[in-house]
Amino acid sequence: MTTKKTSKKPKPPKRIKIPAKVLKYLEKAGVKHEILEHKTVYTAIDAAMTIKKKLNEIAKSLLVKADKDYYLVLMPADNNLNFEKLKKVIGKVKAKEIKTIKIPGEKIIENALKIKAGSITAFGKLHKVGVIIDKKFGKVKKAVFAAGTPNYSIEMAVKDFIDLEKAIVGVVGKKKKIKKQAVSKPKKKKTEAKKMGVKKKK
């Protein structure tokens, strides 16, 4: 007598709770905000699709190292970092020329901010670094910010976020270029006469 093996159902991914320090930080600041719970996402574009928001309403958080200082740079999800413009923005604030800007690796980020991988938030004060936000966010009243977990985000007024973080505002991003695939035209079939090399009689 044979017994059929029942296949075990894969366990759903464990939901990571919103960090308590983020909640305390926002409550203490008394800033109006909304906590958005959603499925696990790891990119700003995935977050936009999941919570049904426009790309320019999602803040992509990026840690950069400008010479010896770290900054959290926030751009719309459909933007890439413009290194030269960021140099000018930071240079204006620091009143000196910025020579190099780098995007550090995960291990360096973990050590520099003393956080676990993937737990970076949009709130620079929590990480003790300055915040730079792209001027394009001025076109939207509210934006969605990283809360330090792939399962939650924070939605709040852009103005409130800038005031709370004492963020530097400047143009630091450039819109992503979406390559359009070239449509190849179908080749015309050769006539039997052309295939056989027979010339048409005039």
N, C-alpha and C. Protein backbone atom coordinates (compact mmCIF):
# COMPACT_ATOMS: atom_id res chain seq x y z
N MET A 1 0.85 -1.20 0.00
CA MET A 1 0.00 0.00 0.00
C MET A 1 0.89 1.26 0.00
N THR A 2 0.66 2.09 -0.97
CA THR A 2 1.48 3.31 -1.09
C THR A 2 0.73 4.52 -0.54
N THR A 3 1.46 5.36 0.09
CA THR A 3 0.85 6.59 0.63
C THR A 3 1.34 7.79 -0.15
N LYS A 4 0.44 8.64 -0.52
CA LYS A 4 0.79 9.83 -1.27
C LYS A 4 1.35 10.91 -0.35
N LYS A 5 2.44 11.48 -0.80
CA LYS A 5 3.05 12.56 -0.02
C LYS A 5 2.34 13.88 -0.31
N THR A 6 1.94 14.52 0.73
CA THR A 6 1.26 15.81 0.54
C THR A 6 2.31 16.93 0.53
N SER A 7 2.27 17.72 -0.52
CA SER A 7 3.24 18.81 -0.65
C SER A 7 2.89 19.95 0.30
N LYS A 8 3.89 20.39 1.02
CA LYS A 8 3.68 21.47 1.98
C LYS A 8 3.56 22.81 1.25
N LYS A 9 2.61 23.59 1.68
CA LYS A 9 2.44 24.92 1.09
C LYS A 9 3.55 25.84 1.56
N PRO A 10 4.13 26.62 0.63
CA PRO A 10 5.20 27.53 1.05
C PRO A 10 4.68 28.60 2.01
N LYS A 11 5.47 28.87 3.03
CA LYS A 11 5.06 29.86 4.02
C LYS A 11 5.10 31.26 3.42
N PRO A 12 4.10 32.08 3.71
CA PRO A 12 4.12 33.46 3.19
C PRO A 12 5.27 34.24 3.81
N PRO A 13 5.86 35.19 3.06
CA PRO A 13 6.99 35.95 3.62
C PRO A 13 6.59 36.71 4.89
N LYS A 14 7.50 36.69 5.85
CA LYS A 14 7.24 37.33 7.15
C LYS A 14 7.16 38.85 6.98
N ARG A 15 6.10 39.42 7.52
CA ARG A 15 5.92 40.87 7.43
C ARG A 15 6.80 41.57 8.47
N ILE A 16 7.50 42.57 8.00
CA ILE A 16 8.38 43.32 8.89
C ILE A 16 7.66 44.55 9.40
N LYS A 17 7.53 44.66 10.70
CA LYS A 17 6.79 45.78 11.30
C LYS A 17 7.53 47.10 11.11
N ILE A 18 6.76 48.17 11.14
CA ILE A 18 7.35 49.50 11.05
C ILE A 18 8.18 49.76 12.31
N PRO A 19 9.41 50.25 12.17
CA PRO A 19 10.25 50.47 13.36
C PRO A 19 9.60 51.43 14.36
N ALA A 20 9.69 51.07 15.65
CA ALA A 20 9.10 51.88 16.72
C ALA A 20 9.70 53.28 16.75
N LYS A 21 11.01 53.39 16.42
CA LYS A 21 11.67 54.70 16.46
C LYS A 21 11.09 55.66 15.42
N VAL A 22 10.60 55.11 14.31
CA VAL A 22 9.97 55.95 13.27
C VAL A 22 8.66 56.51 13.79
N LEU A 23 7.86 55.63 14.42
CA LEU A 23 6.57 56.05 14.97
C LEU A 23 6.75 57.10 16.07
N LYS A 24 7.72 56.86 16.96
CA LYS A 24 7.98 57.80 18.05
C LYS A 24 8.45 59.15 17.51
N TYR A 25 9.28 59.11 16.48
CA TYR A 25 9.82 60.32 15.87
C TYR A 25 8.69 61.18 15.29
N LEU A 26 7.76 60.55 14.58
CA LEU A 26 6.66 61.29 13.97
C LEU A 26 5.65 61.78 15.00
N GLU A 27 5.38 60.95 16.01
CA GLU A 27 4.44 61.34 17.06
C GLU A 27 4.98 62.52 17.88
N LYS A 28 6.26 62.46 18.18
CA LYS A 28 6.90 63.53 18.95
C LYS A 28 6.91 64.84 18.17
N ALA A 29 7.09 64.73 16.85
CA ALA A 29 7.12 65.93 16.00
C ALA A 29 5.73 66.53 15.83
N GLY A 30 4.72 65.70 16.04
CA GLY A 30 3.33 66.16 15.91
C GLY A 30 2.95 66.49 14.47
N VAL A 31 3.58 65.81 13.54
CA VAL A 31 3.31 66.05 12.11
C VAL A 31 2.19 65.12 11.63
N LYS A 32 1.26 65.70 10.90
CA LYS A 32 0.16 64.90 10.36
C LYS A 32 0.70 63.96 9.30
N HIS A 33 0.39 62.67 9.45
CA HIS A 33 0.90 61.67 8.50
C HIS A 33 -0.04 60.47 8.46
N GLU A 34 0.14 59.65 7.45
CA GLU A 34 -0.67 58.44 7.31
C GLU A 34 0.27 57.26 7.08
N ILE A 35 0.04 56.17 7.82
CA ILE A 35 0.85 54.96 7.65
C ILE A 35 0.17 54.07 6.61
N LEU A 36 0.89 53.74 5.56
CA LEU A 36 0.35 52.90 4.49
C LEU A 36 0.93 51.50 4.60
N GLU A 37 0.05 50.52 4.79
CA GLU A 37 0.48 49.12 4.85
C GLU A 37 0.29 48.51 3.46
N HIS A 38 1.28 47.75 3.00
CA HIS A 38 1.19 47.17 1.66
C HIS A 38 2.01 45.89 1.58
N LYS A 39 1.93 45.22 0.45
CA LYS A 39 2.70 43.99 0.28
C LYS A 39 4.19 44.34 0.22
N THR A 40 5.04 43.35 0.35
CA THR A 40 6.48 43.57 0.39
C THR A 40 7.00 44.17 -0.92
N VAL A 41 7.64 45.31 -0.83
CA VAL A 41 8.25 45.95 -2.01
C VAL A 41 9.66 46.41 -1.65
N TYR A 42 10.53 46.42 -2.67
CA TYR A 42 11.92 46.80 -2.43
C TYR A 42 12.39 47.98 -3.28
N THR A 43 11.54 48.44 -4.18
CA THR A 43 11.91 49.61 -4.98
C THR A 43 10.78 50.64 -4.95
N ALA A 44 11.13 51.88 -5.24
CA ALA A 44 10.14 52.96 -5.25
C ALA A 44 9.10 52.75 -6.35
N ILE A 45 9.54 52.20 -7.48
CA ILE A 45 8.61 51.95 -8.59
C ILE A 45 7.60 50.87 -8.21
N ASP A 46 8.07 49.80 -7.54
CA ASP A 46 7.16 48.74 -7.07
C ASP A 46 6.16 49.30 -6.06
N ALA A 47 6.63 50.21 -5.21
CA ALA A 47 5.75 50.84 -4.22
C ALA A 47 4.65 51.63 -4.91
N ALA A 48 5.01 52.36 -5.96
CA ALA A 48 4.02 53.16 -6.71
C ALA A 48 2.94 52.28 -7.31
N MET A 49 3.35 51.15 -7.87
CA MET A 49 2.39 50.22 -8.49
C MET A 49 1.50 49.57 -7.44
N THR A 50 2.11 49.25 -6.29
CA THR A 50 1.37 48.54 -5.23
C THR A 50 0.32 49.41 -4.55
N ILE A 51 0.69 50.65 -4.23
CA ILE A 51 -0.25 51.51 -3.51
C ILE A 51 -1.01 52.48 -4.44
N LYS A 52 -0.87 52.22 -5.75
CA LYS A 52 -1.63 52.98 -6.77
C LYS A 52 -1.38 54.49 -6.69
N LYS A 53 -0.10 54.84 -6.67
CA LYS A 53 0.28 56.25 -6.67
C LYS A 53 1.09 56.57 -7.92
N LYS A 54 1.10 57.84 -8.29
CA LYS A 54 1.92 58.25 -9.43
C LYS A 54 3.39 58.22 -9.03
N LEU A 55 4.27 58.00 -10.01
CA LEU A 55 5.71 57.91 -9.73
C LEU A 55 6.26 59.17 -9.10
N ASN A 56 5.71 60.34 -9.49
CA ASN A 56 6.22 61.60 -8.93
C ASN A 56 5.71 61.87 -7.51
N GLU A 57 4.89 60.95 -6.98
CA GLU A 57 4.40 61.06 -5.60
C GLU A 57 5.14 60.11 -4.66
N ILE A 58 6.07 59.33 -5.21
CA ILE A 58 6.85 58.39 -4.41
C ILE A 58 8.28 58.90 -4.29
N ALA A 59 8.76 59.04 -3.06
CA ALA A 59 10.12 59.53 -2.82
C ALA A 59 11.10 58.36 -2.77
N LYS A 60 12.02 58.37 -3.70
CA LYS A 60 13.09 57.36 -3.72
C LYS A 60 14.23 57.88 -2.84
N SER A 61 14.61 57.10 -1.81
CA SER A 61 15.67 57.51 -0.88
C SER A 61 17.00 56.91 -1.30
N LEU A 62 18.01 57.76 -1.38
CA LEU A 62 19.33 57.31 -1.81
C LEU A 62 20.40 57.94 -0.91
N LEU A 63 21.23 57.10 -0.30
CA LEU A 63 22.31 57.62 0.53
C LEU A 63 23.54 57.87 -0.35
N VAL A 64 24.10 59.05 -0.23
CA VAL A 64 25.31 59.38 -1.00
C VAL A 64 26.40 59.89 -0.07
N LYS A 65 27.63 59.79 -0.53
CA LYS A 65 28.76 60.33 0.22
C LYS A 65 29.40 61.43 -0.63
N ALA A 66 29.29 62.66 -0.15
CA ALA A 66 29.87 63.81 -0.85
C ALA A 66 31.16 64.18 -0.14
N ASP A 67 32.28 63.87 -0.77
CA ASP A 67 33.59 63.98 -0.13
C ASP A 67 33.59 63.15 1.16
N LYS A 68 33.49 63.78 2.33
CA LYS A 68 33.51 62.99 3.58
C LYS A 68 32.16 62.94 4.29
N ASP A 69 31.17 63.66 3.75
CA ASP A 69 29.86 63.75 4.42
C ASP A 69 28.80 62.88 3.73
N TYR A 70 27.90 62.35 4.56
CA TYR A 70 26.79 61.55 4.04
C TYR A 70 25.52 62.39 3.96
N TYR A 71 24.71 62.14 2.94
CA TYR A 71 23.42 62.81 2.77
C TYR A 71 22.39 61.81 2.28
N LEU A 72 21.15 62.03 2.70
CA LEU A 72 20.02 61.27 2.15
C LEU A 72 19.42 62.13 1.05
N VAL A 73 19.38 61.61 -0.16
CA VAL A 73 18.84 62.35 -1.30
C VAL A 73 17.51 61.73 -1.70
N LEU A 74 16.48 62.58 -1.79
CA LEU A 74 15.14 62.12 -2.13
C LEU A 74 14.74 62.67 -3.50
N MET A 75 14.34 61.75 -4.38
CA MET A 75 13.90 62.12 -5.74
C MET A 75 12.61 61.40 -6.07
N PRO A 76 11.86 61.90 -7.06
CA PRO A 76 10.69 61.14 -7.52
C PRO A 76 11.14 59.79 -8.05
N ALA A 77 10.27 58.79 -7.94
CA ALA A 77 10.61 57.41 -8.31
C ALA A 77 11.04 57.27 -9.77
N ASP A 78 10.57 58.17 -10.64
CA ASP A 78 10.92 58.07 -12.06
C ASP A 78 12.15 58.91 -12.42
N ASN A 79 12.96 59.23 -11.42
CA ASN A 79 14.18 60.02 -11.64
C ASN A 79 15.43 59.24 -11.28
N ASN A 80 16.52 59.57 -11.97
CA ASN A 80 17.85 59.09 -11.60
C ASN A 80 18.63 60.26 -11.02
N LEU A 81 19.67 59.95 -10.26
CA LEU A 81 20.48 61.00 -9.66
C LEU A 81 21.34 61.70 -10.71
N ASN A 82 21.32 63.03 -10.65
CA ASN A 82 22.20 63.84 -11.49
C ASN A 82 23.38 64.28 -10.61
N PHE A 83 24.50 63.63 -10.78
CA PHE A 83 25.67 63.85 -9.91
C PHE A 83 26.18 65.28 -9.97
N GLU A 84 26.22 65.84 -11.16
CA GLU A 84 26.76 67.19 -11.32
C GLU A 84 25.87 68.23 -10.63
N LYS A 85 24.56 68.08 -10.77
CA LYS A 85 23.63 69.02 -10.13
C LYS A 85 23.68 68.88 -8.61
N LEU A 86 23.83 67.64 -8.15
CA LEU A 86 23.92 67.40 -6.70
C LEU A 86 25.20 68.05 -6.14
N LYS A 87 26.28 67.96 -6.88
CA LYS A 87 27.53 68.61 -6.46
C LYS A 87 27.33 70.11 -6.25
N LYS A 88 26.61 70.72 -7.19
CA LYS A 88 26.37 72.17 -7.11
C LYS A 88 25.50 72.53 -5.91
N VAL A 89 24.46 71.72 -5.66
CA VAL A 89 23.54 71.97 -4.54
C VAL A 89 24.28 71.89 -3.21
N ILE A 90 25.06 70.81 -3.02
CA ILE A 90 25.80 70.63 -1.77
C ILE A 90 26.90 71.68 -1.66
N GLY A 91 27.57 71.95 -2.78
CA GLY A 91 28.65 72.94 -2.79
C GLY A 91 28.18 74.33 -2.38
N LYS A 92 26.95 74.67 -2.79
CA LYS A 92 26.37 75.97 -2.43
C LYS A 92 26.13 76.06 -0.93
N VAL A 93 25.65 74.95 -0.36
CA VAL A 93 25.37 74.92 1.09
C VAL A 93 26.67 74.94 1.90
N LYS A 94 27.64 74.16 1.45
CA LYS A 94 28.91 74.05 2.17
C LYS A 94 29.87 75.20 1.85
N ALA A 95 29.51 76.00 0.84
CA ALA A 95 30.36 77.12 0.39
C ALA A 95 31.76 76.66 -0.02
N LYS A 96 31.79 75.50 -0.66
CA LYS A 96 33.05 75.00 -1.20
C LYS A 96 32.76 73.99 -2.31
N GLU A 97 33.74 73.76 -3.13
CA GLU A 97 33.58 72.82 -4.26
C GLU A 97 33.58 71.38 -3.76
N ILE A 98 32.60 70.61 -4.22
CA ILE A 98 32.53 69.19 -3.88
C ILE A 98 33.24 68.41 -4.99
N LYS A 99 34.23 67.65 -4.62
CA LYS A 99 35.05 66.95 -5.62
C LYS A 99 34.44 65.61 -6.06
N THR A 100 34.03 64.81 -5.10
CA THR A 100 33.50 63.48 -5.46
C THR A 100 32.19 63.16 -4.75
N ILE A 101 31.31 62.50 -5.49
CA ILE A 101 30.06 61.99 -4.91
C ILE A 101 29.97 60.51 -5.26
N LYS A 102 29.79 59.70 -4.23
CA LYS A 102 29.71 58.25 -4.43
C LYS A 102 28.43 57.69 -3.81
N ILE A 103 27.95 56.60 -4.38
CA ILE A 103 26.85 55.85 -3.78
C ILE A 103 27.47 54.64 -3.10
N PRO A 104 27.53 54.63 -1.77
CA PRO A 104 28.20 53.53 -1.06
C PRO A 104 27.45 52.21 -1.17
N GLY A 105 28.19 51.13 -0.97
CA GLY A 105 27.59 49.79 -0.98
C GLY A 105 26.81 49.52 0.29
N GLU A 106 26.07 48.40 0.30
CA GLU A 106 25.19 48.07 1.44
C GLU A 106 25.94 47.97 2.77
N LYS A 107 27.09 47.31 2.75
CA LYS A 107 27.86 47.11 4.00
C LYS A 107 28.33 48.45 4.57
N ILE A 108 28.74 49.35 3.68
CA ILE A 108 29.20 50.67 4.13
C ILE A 108 28.03 51.45 4.72
N ILE A 109 26.85 51.33 4.08
CA ILE A 109 25.65 52.01 4.57
C ILE A 109 25.28 51.49 5.96
N GLU A 110 25.31 50.17 6.11
CA GLU A 110 24.98 49.55 7.40
C GLU A 110 25.90 50.05 8.51
N ASN A 111 27.20 50.13 8.20
CA ASN A 111 28.18 50.57 9.20
C ASN A 111 28.11 52.07 9.47
N ALA A 112 27.90 52.84 8.39
CA ALA A 112 27.86 54.31 8.55
C ALA A 112 26.63 54.77 9.32
N LEU A 113 25.48 54.16 9.04
CA LEU A 113 24.23 54.57 9.69
C LEU A 113 23.84 53.68 10.87
N LYS A 114 24.60 52.58 11.04
CA LYS A 114 24.33 51.61 12.11
C LYS A 114 22.90 51.06 12.02
N ILE A 115 22.61 50.55 10.82
CA ILE A 115 21.28 49.98 10.57
C ILE A 115 21.43 48.62 9.91
N LYS A 116 20.33 47.87 9.88
CA LYS A 116 20.32 46.59 9.17
C LYS A 116 20.04 46.84 7.69
N ALA A 117 20.40 45.89 6.86
CA ALA A 117 20.20 46.02 5.41
C ALA A 117 18.73 46.23 5.09
N GLY A 118 18.44 47.21 4.24
CA GLY A 118 17.08 47.47 3.80
C GLY A 118 16.22 48.24 4.78
N SER A 119 16.81 48.75 5.88
CA SER A 119 16.00 49.45 6.89
C SER A 119 16.21 50.97 6.87
N ILE A 120 16.76 51.48 5.79
CA ILE A 120 16.95 52.93 5.69
C ILE A 120 15.60 53.63 5.50
N THR A 121 15.43 54.76 6.16
CA THR A 121 14.18 55.52 6.04
C THR A 121 14.46 56.81 5.25
N ALA A 122 13.42 57.59 5.05
CA ALA A 122 13.59 58.88 4.37
C ALA A 122 13.92 59.99 5.36
N PHE A 123 13.95 59.64 6.64
CA PHE A 123 14.12 60.65 7.70
C PHE A 123 15.58 60.73 8.15
N GLY A 124 16.28 61.71 7.60
CA GLY A 124 17.71 61.86 7.87
C GLY A 124 18.06 62.08 9.32
N LYS A 125 17.17 62.76 10.06
CA LYS A 125 17.45 63.03 11.48
C LYS A 125 17.58 61.74 12.28
N LEU A 126 16.84 60.71 11.88
CA LEU A 126 16.93 59.42 12.56
C LEU A 126 18.30 58.78 12.33
N HIS A 127 18.89 59.08 11.18
CA HIS A 127 20.18 58.49 10.82
C HIS A 127 21.35 59.47 11.04
N LYS A 128 21.00 60.68 11.52
CA LYS A 128 21.99 61.72 11.80
C LYS A 128 22.76 62.15 10.54
N VAL A 129 22.00 62.31 9.45
CA VAL A 129 22.59 62.82 8.21
C VAL A 129 21.67 63.90 7.63
N GLY A 130 22.22 64.76 6.81
CA GLY A 130 21.42 65.81 6.18
C GLY A 130 20.53 65.24 5.08
N VAL A 131 19.45 65.97 4.78
CA VAL A 131 18.50 65.52 3.75
C VAL A 131 18.44 66.55 2.62
N ILE A 132 18.47 66.03 1.39
CA ILE A 132 18.31 66.87 0.21
C ILE A 132 17.12 66.34 -0.56
N ILE A 133 16.17 67.20 -0.86
CA ILE A 133 14.95 66.77 -1.57
C ILE A 133 14.84 67.50 -2.90
N ASP A 134 14.47 66.76 -3.93
CA ASP A 134 14.37 67.34 -5.26
C ASP A 134 13.24 68.37 -5.35
N LYS A 135 13.55 69.45 -6.02
CA LYS A 135 12.60 70.56 -6.17
C LYS A 135 11.31 70.15 -6.87
N LYS A 136 11.38 69.05 -7.65
CA LYS A 136 10.20 68.59 -8.40
C LYS A 136 9.04 68.19 -7.49
N PHE A 137 9.35 67.87 -6.23
CA PHE A 137 8.28 67.50 -5.29
C PHE A 137 7.37 68.69 -4.97
N GLY A 138 7.80 69.88 -5.36
CA GLY A 138 6.95 71.06 -5.16
C GLY A 138 5.68 71.01 -6.00
N LYS A 139 5.66 70.12 -7.00
CA LYS A 139 4.50 70.00 -7.88
C LYS A 139 3.39 69.14 -7.28
N VAL A 140 3.71 68.43 -6.18
CA VAL A 140 2.69 67.60 -5.52
C VAL A 140 2.54 68.05 -4.06
N LYS A 141 1.32 67.95 -3.55
CA LYS A 141 1.08 68.36 -2.16
C LYS A 141 1.58 67.31 -1.17
N LYS A 142 1.30 66.03 -1.50
CA LYS A 142 1.70 64.92 -0.62
C LYS A 142 2.63 63.97 -1.35
N ALA A 143 3.47 63.30 -0.58
CA ALA A 143 4.36 62.29 -1.16
C ALA A 143 4.47 61.11 -0.18
N VAL A 144 4.92 59.99 -0.71
CA VAL A 144 5.07 58.77 0.10
C VAL A 144 6.56 58.55 0.36
N PHE A 145 6.90 58.37 1.64
CA PHE A 145 8.30 58.27 2.06
C PHE A 145 8.61 56.91 2.68
N ALA A 146 9.87 56.48 2.54
CA ALA A 146 10.31 55.19 3.08
C ALA A 146 10.26 55.19 4.60
N ALA A 147 9.72 54.09 5.17
CA ALA A 147 9.57 53.99 6.62
C ALA A 147 10.55 53.02 7.26
N GLY A 148 11.47 52.46 6.46
CA GLY A 148 12.46 51.54 7.01
C GLY A 148 12.02 50.09 7.03
N THR A 149 10.97 49.78 6.28
CA THR A 149 10.46 48.41 6.17
C THR A 149 9.84 48.23 4.79
N PRO A 150 9.94 47.03 4.20
CA PRO A 150 9.35 46.81 2.88
C PRO A 150 7.83 46.67 2.88
N ASN A 151 7.21 46.68 4.07
CA ASN A 151 5.77 46.49 4.18
C ASN A 151 4.98 47.74 4.55
N TYR A 152 5.68 48.84 4.84
CA TYR A 152 4.99 50.08 5.24
C TYR A 152 5.67 51.29 4.61
N SER A 153 4.88 52.32 4.40
CA SER A 153 5.39 53.61 3.93
C SER A 153 4.66 54.71 4.69
N ILE A 154 5.20 55.91 4.64
CA ILE A 154 4.59 57.06 5.32
C ILE A 154 4.19 58.09 4.27
N GLU A 155 2.91 58.48 4.30
CA GLU A 155 2.44 59.54 3.41
C GLU A 155 2.24 60.81 4.22
N MET A 156 2.79 61.91 3.74
CA MET A 156 2.64 63.18 4.43
C MET A 156 2.85 64.33 3.47
N ALA A 157 2.46 65.51 3.89
CA ALA A 157 2.62 66.70 3.06
C ALA A 157 4.10 66.97 2.84
N VAL A 158 4.46 67.30 1.61
CA VAL A 158 5.86 67.57 1.26
C VAL A 158 6.39 68.74 2.09
N LYS A 159 5.58 69.76 2.25
CA LYS A 159 5.98 70.94 3.03
C LYS A 159 6.31 70.55 4.48
N ASP A 160 5.48 69.69 5.07
CA ASP A 160 5.71 69.24 6.45
C ASP A 160 7.00 68.45 6.55
N PHE A 161 7.27 67.62 5.53
CA PHE A 161 8.49 66.83 5.53
C PHE A 161 9.73 67.74 5.47
N ILE A 162 9.68 68.74 4.59
CA ILE A 162 10.81 69.67 4.45
C ILE A 162 11.06 70.43 5.75
N ASP A 163 9.97 70.88 6.38
CA ASP A 163 10.09 71.61 7.66
C ASP A 163 10.64 70.71 8.77
N LEU A 164 10.14 69.47 8.81
CA LEU A 164 10.55 68.52 9.85
C LEU A 164 12.03 68.16 9.73
N GLU A 165 12.47 67.93 8.50
CA GLU A 165 13.84 67.47 8.27
C GLU A 165 14.84 68.61 8.04
N LYS A 166 14.31 69.84 7.96
CA LYS A 166 15.16 70.99 7.60
C LYS A 166 15.93 70.66 6.31
N ALA A 167 15.17 70.09 5.37
CA ALA A 167 15.77 69.57 4.13
C ALA A 167 16.24 70.67 3.19
N ILE A 168 17.31 70.39 2.49
CA ILE A 168 17.83 71.27 1.44
C ILE A 168 17.04 70.97 0.17
N VAL A 169 16.50 72.01 -0.46
CA VAL A 169 15.70 71.81 -1.67
C VAL A 169 16.50 72.25 -2.90
N GLY A 170 16.56 71.39 -3.89
CA GLY A 170 17.29 71.73 -5.12
C GLY A 170 17.01 70.71 -6.20
N VAL A 171 17.41 71.01 -7.42
CA VAL A 171 17.22 70.08 -8.53
C VAL A 171 18.40 69.11 -8.53
N VAL A 172 18.12 67.85 -8.20
CA VAL A 172 19.19 66.86 -8.10
C VAL A 172 18.92 65.59 -8.92
N GLY A 173 17.74 65.53 -9.52
CA GLY A 173 17.38 64.34 -10.29
C GLY A 173 17.16 64.65 -11.75
N LYS A 174 17.19 63.60 -12.55
CA LYS A 174 16.87 63.72 -13.97
C LYS A 174 15.94 62.58 -14.34
N LYS A 175 14.97 62.87 -15.17
CA LYS A 175 13.95 61.88 -15.52
C LYS A 175 14.57 60.71 -16.28
N LYS A 176 14.13 59.51 -15.93
CA LYS A 176 14.63 58.32 -16.60
C LYS A 176 14.19 58.30 -18.05
N LYS A 177 15.10 57.89 -18.90
CA LYS A 177 14.77 57.76 -20.32
C LYS A 177 14.28 56.35 -20.59
N ILE A 178 13.07 56.27 -21.13
CA ILE A 178 12.51 54.95 -21.45
C ILE A 178 12.75 54.68 -22.93
N LYS A 179 13.54 53.67 -23.18
CA LYS A 179 13.86 53.33 -24.57
C LYS A 179 12.68 52.68 -25.26
N LYS A 180 12.35 53.23 -26.41
CA LYS A 180 11.26 52.65 -27.19
C LYS A 180 11.83 51.60 -28.13
N GLN A 181 11.19 50.44 -28.14
CA GLN A 181 11.65 49.37 -29.02
C GLN A 181 11.28 49.68 -30.46
N ALA A 182 12.27 49.57 -31.31
CA ALA A 182 12.03 49.84 -32.73
C ALA A 182 11.20 48.71 -33.34
N VAL A 183 10.15 49.09 -34.04
CA VAL A 183 9.28 48.10 -34.67
C VAL A 183 9.85 47.77 -36.03
N SER A 184 10.25 46.52 -36.22
CA SER A 184 10.83 46.12 -37.50
C SER A 184 9.73 45.89 -38.53
N LYS A 185 9.94 46.46 -39.71
CA LYS A 185 8.96 46.33 -40.78
C LYS A 185 9.06 44.95 -41.41
N PRO A 186 7.91 44.34 -41.70
CA PRO A 186 7.95 43.00 -42.32
C PRO A 186 8.55 43.06 -43.72
N LYS A 187 9.42 42.09 -43.99
CA LYS A 187 10.06 42.06 -45.30
C LYS A 187 9.07 41.61 -46.36
N LYS A 188 9.13 42.29 -47.50
CA LYS A 188 8.24 41.93 -48.60
C LYS A 188 8.70 40.62 -49.23
N LYS A 189 7.74 39.77 -49.50
CA LYS A 189 8.06 38.48 -50.11
C LYS A 189 8.45 38.68 -51.57
N LYS A 190 9.50 38.00 -51.94
CA LYS A 190 9.94 38.07 -53.34
C LYS A 190 9.01 37.22 -54.20
N THR A 191 8.73 37.70 -55.38
CA THR A 191 7.88 36.94 -56.30
C THR A 191 8.65 35.75 -56.82
N GLU A 192 7.93 34.76 -57.26
CA GLU A 192 8.56 33.54 -57.78
C GLU A 192 9.50 33.87 -58.93
N ALA A 193 9.11 34.86 -59.74
CA ALA A 193 9.94 35.23 -60.89
C ALA A 193 11.29 35.78 -60.46
N LYS A 194 11.29 36.62 -59.36
CA LYS A 194 12.52 37.21 -58.86
C LYS A 194 13.41 36.14 -58.22
N LYS A 195 12.75 35.20 -57.49
CA LYS A 195 13.50 34.11 -56.85
C LYS A 195 14.26 33.29 -57.86
N MET A 196 13.61 33.04 -59.02
CA MET A 196 14.20 32.19 -60.05
C MET A 196 15.10 32.98 -60.99
N GLY A 197 15.13 34.30 -60.79
CA GLY A 197 15.96 35.14 -61.63
C GLY A 197 15.41 35.36 -63.01
N VAL A 198 14.09 35.20 -63.14
CA VAL A 198 13.43 35.39 -64.44
C VAL A 198 13.00 36.84 -64.59
N LYS A 199 13.41 37.46 -65.64
CA LYS A 199 13.04 38.86 -65.86
C LYS A 199 11.68 38.93 -66.54
N LYS A 200 10.92 39.97 -66.12
CA LYS A 200 9.60 40.15 -66.74
C LYS A 200 9.77 40.72 -68.12
N LYS A 201 8.97 40.24 -69.05
CA LYS A 201 9.00 40.76 -70.42
C LYS A 201 8.34 42.12 -70.47
N LYS A 202 9.01 43.06 -71.18
CA LYS A 202 8.43 44.39 -71.30
C LYS A 202 7.46 44.42 -72.47
